[in-house]
C-alpha atoms as a PDB file:
ATOM      1  CA  MET A   1       7.769 -36.773   5.369  1.00  0.00           C
ATOM      2  CA  ALA A   2       4.842 -34.368   5.505  1.00  0.00           C
ATOM      3  CA  GLU A   3       5.172 -31.066   3.697  1.00  0.00           C
ATOM      4  CA  LEU A   4       5.156 -28.068   6.039  1.00  0.00           C
ATOM      5  CA  GLN A   5       2.686 -25.329   5.248  1.00  0.00           C
ATOM      6  CA  HIS A   6       3.298 -21.733   6.172  1.00  0.00           C
ATOM      7  CA  THR A   7       0.021 -20.280   7.445  1.00  0.00           C
ATOM      8  CA  GLN A   8       1.275 -17.022   8.933  1.00  0.00           C
ATOM      9  CA  THR A   9       0.207 -14.049   6.839  1.00  0.00           C
ATOM     10  CA  ARG A  10       2.152 -10.839   6.502  1.00  0.00           C
ATOM     11  CA  PRO A  11       0.348  -7.688   7.605  1.00  0.00           C
ATOM     12  CA  LYS A  12      -0.803  -5.290   4.902  1.00  0.00           C
ATOM     13  CA  TYR A  13      -0.240  -1.569   5.003  1.00  0.00           C
ATOM     14  CA  GLN A  14      -1.554   1.384   3.063  1.00  0.00           C
ATOM     15  CA  TYR A  15       1.463   3.170   1.650  1.00  0.00           C
ATOM     16  CA  ARG A  16       1.082   6.807   0.699  1.00  0.00           C
ATOM     17  CA  PHE A  17       3.273   8.466  -1.882  1.00  0.00           C
ATOM     18  CA  LEU A  18       3.460  11.829  -3.573  1.00  0.00           C
ATOM     19  CA  ALA A  19       3.606  10.970  -7.281  1.00  0.00           C
ATOM     20  CA  LEU A  20       5.456  13.621  -9.288  1.00  0.00           C
ATOM     21  CA  SER A  21       5.223  13.738 -13.077  1.00  0.00           C
ATOM     22  CA  ALA A  22       5.582  16.234 -15.911  1.00  0.00           C
ATOM     23  CA  ILE A  23       1.844  17.012 -15.780  1.00  0.00           C
ATOM     24  CA  GLY A  24       1.578  17.541 -12.028  1.00  0.00           C
ATOM     25  CA  ARG A  25       1.498  15.787  -8.698  1.00  0.00           C
ATOM     26  CA  ASN A  26      -0.931  13.436  -6.956  1.00  0.00           C
ATOM     27  CA  VAL A  27      -1.192  11.631  -3.652  1.00  0.00           C
ATOM     28  CA  ILE A  28      -1.247   7.876  -4.326  1.00  0.00           C
ATOM     29  CA  HIS A  29      -2.532   5.237  -1.852  1.00  0.00           C
ATOM     30  CA  ILE A  30      -1.384   1.641  -2.454  1.00  0.00           C
ATOM     31  CA  THR A  31      -2.159  -1.392  -0.260  1.00  0.00           C
ATOM     32  CA  ALA A  32       0.777  -3.816  -0.045  1.00  0.00           C
ATOM     33  CA  THR A  33       2.859  -5.837   2.420  1.00  0.00           C
ATOM     34  CA  THR A  34       6.145  -4.002   1.732  1.00  0.00           C
ATOM     35  CA  GLU A  35       7.226  -0.614   0.401  1.00  0.00           C
ATOM     36  CA  ARG A  36       9.006  -2.350  -2.459  1.00  0.00           C
ATOM     37  CA  GLU A  37       5.795  -4.149  -3.449  1.00  0.00           C
ATOM     38  CA  ALA A  38       3.908  -0.838  -3.293  1.00  0.00           C
ATOM     39  CA  ARG A  39       6.485   0.879  -5.507  1.00  0.00           C
ATOM     40  CA  GLU A  40       6.188  -1.970  -8.038  1.00  0.00           C
ATOM     41  CA  GLN A  41       2.445  -1.177  -8.282  1.00  0.00           C
ATOM     42  CA  SER A  42       3.006   2.572  -8.721  1.00  0.00           C
ATOM     43  CA  PRO A  43       2.163   4.401 -11.963  1.00  0.00           C
ATOM     44  CA  ALA A  44       4.845   4.320 -14.663  1.00  0.00           C
ATOM     45  CA  GLY A  45       6.659   7.559 -15.410  1.00  0.00           C
ATOM     46  CA  CYS A  46       6.236   9.042 -11.926  1.00  0.00           C
ATOM     47  CA  VAL A  47       8.803   9.847  -9.288  1.00  0.00           C
ATOM     48  CA  MET A  48       7.387   8.383  -6.065  1.00  0.00           C
ATOM     49  CA  VAL A  49       8.152  10.223  -2.806  1.00  0.00           C
ATOM     50  CA  PHE A  50       7.331   8.165   0.308  1.00  0.00           C
ATOM     51  CA  ALA A  51       4.849   9.965   2.577  1.00  0.00           C
ATOM     52  CA  GLY A  52       3.658   7.340   5.068  1.00  0.00           C
ATOM     53  CA  ARG A  53       2.595   3.808   6.010  1.00  0.00           C
ATOM     54  CA  LEU A  54      -0.668   3.017   7.797  1.00  0.00           C
ATOM     55  CA  PRO A  55      -1.803  -0.429   9.012  1.00  0.00           C
ATOM     56  CA  VAL A  56      -4.752  -2.045   7.233  1.00  0.00           C
ATOM     57  CA  ARG A  57      -7.121  -4.039   9.422  1.00  0.00           C
ATOM     58  CA  GLU A  58      -8.717  -6.931   7.525  1.00  0.00           C
ATOM     59  CA  GLY A  59     -12.504  -6.704   7.549  1.00  0.00           C
ATOM     60  CA  ALA A  60     -12.557  -3.124   8.819  1.00  0.00           C
ATOM     61  CA  PRO A  61     -14.559  -0.558   6.821  1.00  0.00           C
ATOM     62  CA  CYS A  62     -12.504   1.827   4.705  1.00  0.00           C
ATOM     63  CA  VAL A  63     -14.571   4.879   5.638  1.00  0.00           C
ATOM     64  CA  SER A  64     -16.328   5.412   8.946  1.00  0.00           C
ATOM     65  CA  GLN A  65     -19.873   6.763   8.763  1.00  0.00           C
ATOM     66  CA  SER A  66     -20.948   9.468  11.192  1.00  0.00           C
ATOM     67  CA  ALA A  67     -24.559   9.803  12.324  1.00  0.00           C
END
């Protein structure tokens, strides 16, 4: 029997967090498929407060240039 291959990809999002630590606070942007995955990539020793989730389009430029 042939092995089935899963070709569907999960969409990626840019998760934004407010990272709170003893030395201050920062806005952190992490690209991941789930919030849990994003939190696993977050800096150690910070309390992460969820601020938002934006879709990431593959192949799209990160910053748009204005003329």
